[in-house]
Amino acid sequence: MRVFMIDNYDSFTYNIVHYLAELGAELIVKRNDEITVEEIEKFSPDALVISPGPCT
């Protein structure tokens, strides 16, 4: 499973990434201001995960 994770500058993001990797997911992680919708589409993910933001 190909999972794209959008990191909203929250430290919990990598906890989620770690758990998904343990389940066998192929992951790519990008910060919310370093990626465009078109770039996400090129990756053709099976799932898109948006992390929580700081102080949430």
C-alpha atoms as a PDB file:
ATOM      1  CA  MET A   1       0.000   0.000   0.000  1.00  0.00           C
ATOM      2  CA  ARG A   2       1.364   3.415  -0.985  1.00  0.00           C
ATOM      3  CA  VAL A   3       0.653   6.060   1.642  1.00  0.00           C
ATOM      4  CA  PHE A   4       1.317   9.764   1.288  1.00  0.00           C
ATOM      5  CA  MET A   5       1.647  11.626   4.592  1.00  0.00           C
ATOM      6  CA  ILE A   6       1.315  15.391   4.791  1.00  0.00           C
ATOM      7  CA  ASP A   7       3.306  16.651   7.768  1.00  0.00           C
ATOM      8  CA  ASN A   8       1.750  19.715   9.381  1.00  0.00           C
ATOM      9  CA  TYR A   9       4.779  20.368  11.581  1.00  0.00           C
ATOM     10  CA  ASP A  10       3.640  18.141  14.432  1.00  0.00           C
ATOM     11  CA  SER A  11       5.967  15.716  16.211  1.00  0.00           C
ATOM     12  CA  PHE A  12       3.238  13.047  16.295  1.00  0.00           C
ATOM     13  CA  THR A  13       3.554  12.652  12.519  1.00  0.00           C
ATOM     14  CA  TYR A  14       6.487  10.289  12.801  1.00  0.00           C
ATOM     15  CA  ASN A  15       4.702   8.114  15.345  1.00  0.00           C
ATOM     16  CA  ILE A  16       2.016   7.548  12.715  1.00  0.00           C
ATOM     17  CA  VAL A  17       4.655   6.974  10.018  1.00  0.00           C
ATOM     18  CA  HIS A  18       6.369   4.374  12.205  1.00  0.00           C
ATOM     19  CA  TYR A  19       3.133   2.447  12.779  1.00  0.00           C
ATOM     20  CA  LEU A  20       2.211   2.514   9.094  1.00  0.00           C
ATOM     21  CA  ALA A  21       5.681   1.249   8.172  1.00  0.00           C
ATOM     22  CA  GLU A  22       5.294  -1.627  10.644  1.00  0.00           C
ATOM     23  CA  LEU A  23       2.135  -2.565   8.748  1.00  0.00           C
ATOM     24  CA  GLY A  24       4.137  -2.707   5.521  1.00  0.00           C
ATOM     25  CA  ALA A  25       3.118   0.589   3.949  1.00  0.00           C
ATOM     26  CA  GLU A  26       5.341   2.279   1.397  1.00  0.00           C
ATOM     27  CA  LEU A  27       5.513   5.848   2.691  1.00  0.00           C
ATOM     28  CA  ILE A  28       6.427   9.259   1.456  1.00  0.00           C
ATOM     29  CA  VAL A  29       6.304  12.177   3.877  1.00  0.00           C
ATOM     30  CA  LYS A  30       6.330  15.826   2.864  1.00  0.00           C
ATOM     31  CA  ARG A  31       5.725  18.999   4.812  1.00  0.00           C
ATOM     32  CA  ASN A  32       2.534  20.823   3.936  1.00  0.00           C
ATOM     33  CA  ASP A  33       4.373  23.757   2.378  1.00  0.00           C
ATOM     34  CA  GLU A  34       6.805  21.629   0.337  1.00  0.00           C
ATOM     35  CA  ILE A  35       4.347  19.783  -1.909  1.00  0.00           C
ATOM     36  CA  THR A  36       1.636  20.495  -4.454  1.00  0.00           C
ATOM     37  CA  VAL A  37      -1.487  18.533  -5.280  1.00  0.00           C
ATOM     38  CA  GLU A  38       0.034  17.684  -8.657  1.00  0.00           C
ATOM     39  CA  GLU A  39       3.105  16.169  -6.987  1.00  0.00           C
ATOM     40  CA  ILE A  40       0.900  14.077  -4.716  1.00  0.00           C
ATOM     41  CA  GLU A  41      -1.054  12.842  -7.749  1.00  0.00           C
ATOM     42  CA  LYS A  42       2.199  11.767  -9.467  1.00  0.00           C
ATOM     43  CA  PHE A  43       2.939   9.482  -6.518  1.00  0.00           C
ATOM     44  CA  SER A  44      -0.455   7.788  -7.069  1.00  0.00           C
ATOM     45  CA  PRO A  45      -1.010   6.958  -3.397  1.00  0.00           C
ATOM     46  CA  ASP A  46      -3.571   4.432  -2.223  1.00  0.00           C
ATOM     47  CA  ALA A  47      -4.123   6.591   0.849  1.00  0.00           C
ATOM     48  CA  LEU A  48      -3.508  10.173   1.914  1.00  0.00           C
ATOM     49  CA  VAL A  49      -2.936  10.912   5.597  1.00  0.00           C
ATOM     50  CA  ILE A  50      -2.938  14.478   6.886  1.00  0.00           C
ATOM     51  CA  SER A  51      -1.167  14.829  10.201  1.00  0.00           C
ATOM     52  CA  PRO A  52      -2.415  16.941  13.074  1.00  0.00           C
ATOM     53  CA  GLY A  53      -0.988  20.417  13.384  1.00  0.00           C
ATOM     54  CA  PRO A  54       1.076  21.791  16.224  1.00  0.00           C
ATOM     55  CA  CYS A  55      -0.748  22.301  19.528  1.00  0.00           C
ATOM     56  CA  THR A  56      -3.784  20.249  18.466  1.00  0.00           C
END
